[in-house]
Amino acid sequence: MPRWRQAAGKRPSARPLRSIETTDESTGCFLWRDGQRTDVIDYRLPTSEDDIRPVSEIALAELAGIIRDNQEALDENDPALIIARLIGLDRLAATSRSRIEDAIEYWRRVQTGGGPRREEERGTA
């Protein structure tokens, strides 16, 4: 019998899954390590052109992080376009614009203490 099999026994018991937190957003569900979810997190800058993520794959809390760090963009004529450029988008499609505008609204609610809307609230799985 292989050594690993002896150590685990004939029927190793399933280890309980670690608790995770989720946010259900308009673009899908985002998973967070237990205790790591906050209303705003630092935006992870792409390290190369190949590392640029679609806006739909960035959680609102992370988009709020880049807005927090670049609040002067909110005073411009087209803040969504400026945020899009900051995250590396060359073209701002309507769906990306909508997502960034949602993130700006989210940031304003968090900043004023209003917190996330119901569909953005934390959950646990």
Protein backbone atom coordinates (compact mmCIF):
# COMPACT_ATOMS: atom_id res chain seq x y z
CA MET A 1 0.00 0.00 0.00
CA PRO A 2 1.43 3.42 -0.90
CA ARG A 3 2.68 5.42 2.03
CA TRP A 4 0.22 8.31 1.50
CA ARG A 5 -2.66 5.86 1.49
CA GLN A 6 -1.60 4.45 4.86
CA ALA A 7 -1.37 7.89 6.39
CA ALA A 8 -4.79 8.89 5.13
CA GLY A 9 -6.47 5.59 5.86
CA LYS A 10 -8.76 3.72 3.52
CA ARG A 11 -11.44 6.40 3.50
CA PRO A 12 -10.07 9.81 4.29
CA SER A 13 -12.76 12.05 5.68
CA ALA A 14 -13.64 15.16 3.72
CA ARG A 15 -12.10 18.23 5.27
CA PRO A 16 -14.59 20.99 5.89
CA LEU A 17 -14.31 23.75 3.32
CA ARG A 18 -13.04 27.04 4.62
CA SER A 19 -15.71 29.66 4.86
CA ILE A 20 -15.82 32.14 2.03
CA GLU A 21 -17.68 35.36 1.59
CA THR A 22 -19.40 36.34 -1.62
CA THR A 23 -20.72 39.46 -3.27
CA ASP A 24 -23.43 39.05 -5.87
CA GLU A 25 -23.05 41.82 -8.39
CA SER A 26 -24.60 42.63 -11.75
CA THR A 27 -21.74 40.87 -13.56
CA GLY A 28 -21.64 37.77 -11.36
CA CYS A 29 -20.58 36.44 -8.01
CA PHE A 30 -17.20 37.38 -6.52
CA LEU A 31 -15.55 35.14 -3.93
CA TRP A 32 -13.49 36.42 -1.01
CA ARG A 33 -11.48 34.61 1.61
CA ASP A 34 -13.27 34.65 4.93
CA GLY A 35 -12.59 37.98 6.62
CA GLN A 36 -10.95 39.55 3.55
CA ARG A 37 -14.07 41.24 2.13
CA THR A 38 -14.33 44.98 2.75
CA ASP A 39 -16.27 47.75 1.03
CA VAL A 40 -13.16 49.10 -0.74
CA ILE A 41 -9.92 47.31 -1.62
CA ASP A 42 -6.82 48.43 -3.48
CA TYR A 43 -7.06 48.11 -7.23
CA ARG A 44 -4.65 45.52 -8.64
CA LEU A 45 -2.87 47.24 -11.51
CA PRO A 46 -2.12 45.10 -14.56
CA THR A 47 1.54 44.19 -14.87
CA SER A 48 1.34 43.95 -18.66
CA GLU A 49 -1.15 44.43 -21.51
CA ASP A 50 -1.96 40.74 -21.26
CA ASP A 51 -2.95 41.24 -17.60
CA ILE A 52 -5.69 43.83 -18.28
CA ARG A 53 -8.98 42.44 -16.99
CA PRO A 54 -12.41 43.14 -18.44
CA VAL A 55 -14.37 45.51 -16.19
CA SER A 56 -16.95 42.76 -15.67
CA GLU A 57 -14.28 40.66 -13.92
CA ILE A 58 -13.41 43.35 -11.38
CA ALA A 59 -15.43 43.53 -8.16
CA LEU A 60 -17.10 46.83 -7.29
CA ALA A 61 -14.98 47.02 -4.13
CA GLU A 62 -11.82 46.92 -6.27
CA LEU A 63 -13.16 49.45 -8.79
CA ALA A 64 -14.02 51.66 -5.82
CA GLY A 65 -10.35 51.41 -4.81
CA ILE A 66 -9.14 53.02 -8.02
CA ILE A 67 -11.87 55.65 -7.75
CA ARG A 68 -10.81 56.37 -4.16
CA ASP A 69 -7.22 56.82 -5.31
CA ASN A 70 -8.23 59.07 -8.23
CA GLN A 71 -11.14 61.09 -6.86
CA GLU A 72 -10.20 64.08 -9.02
CA ALA A 73 -11.55 62.08 -11.98
CA LEU A 74 -15.05 62.51 -10.54
CA ASP A 75 -14.84 66.27 -11.19
CA GLU A 76 -14.18 65.77 -14.92
CA ASN A 77 -16.76 65.80 -17.74
CA ASP A 78 -16.55 62.04 -18.28
CA PRO A 79 -15.30 60.32 -15.12
CA ALA A 80 -16.11 56.84 -16.46
CA LEU A 81 -13.78 57.40 -19.42
CA ILE A 82 -10.96 58.57 -17.16
CA ILE A 83 -11.36 55.54 -14.86
CA ALA A 84 -11.41 53.28 -17.93
CA ARG A 85 -8.09 54.72 -19.08
CA LEU A 86 -6.62 54.28 -15.60
CA ILE A 87 -7.44 50.57 -15.61
CA GLY A 88 -5.96 50.15 -19.08
CA LEU A 89 -8.99 50.13 -21.38
CA ASP A 90 -8.41 51.63 -24.82
CA ARG A 91 -12.07 51.52 -25.73
CA LEU A 92 -15.03 52.13 -23.43
CA ALA A 93 -17.94 49.93 -24.52
CA ALA A 94 -21.43 50.65 -23.22
CA THR A 95 -21.37 47.68 -20.83
CA SER A 96 -18.01 48.76 -19.40
CA ARG A 97 -19.22 52.34 -19.06
CA SER A 98 -22.28 51.15 -17.17
CA ARG A 99 -20.15 49.01 -14.84
CA ILE A 100 -17.77 51.90 -14.10
CA GLU A 101 -20.73 54.24 -13.50
CA ASP A 102 -22.14 51.63 -11.08
CA ALA A 103 -18.75 51.61 -9.32
CA ILE A 104 -18.77 55.42 -9.05
CA GLU A 105 -22.25 55.27 -7.52
CA TYR A 106 -21.09 52.47 -5.21
CA TRP A 107 -18.04 54.53 -4.12
CA ARG A 108 -20.23 57.55 -3.36
CA ARG A 109 -22.58 55.41 -1.21
CA VAL A 110 -19.66 53.86 0.67
CA GLN A 111 -18.01 57.24 1.15
CA THR A 112 -21.17 58.77 2.63
CA GLY A 113 -21.76 55.78 4.89
CA GLY A 114 -24.68 54.46 2.85
CA GLY A 115 -22.93 51.15 2.27
CA PRO A 116 -23.49 48.69 -0.56
CA ARG A 117 -26.95 48.01 -1.96
CA ARG A 118 -28.63 44.71 -1.15
CA GLU A 119 -27.31 42.86 -4.24
CA GLU A 120 -23.78 43.87 -3.30
CA GLU A 121 -24.05 42.84 0.35
CA ARG A 122 -21.88 40.17 1.83
CA GLY A 123 -22.98 36.61 1.96
CA THR A 124 -21.32 33.42 3.04
CA ALA A 125 -21.10 30.13 1.26
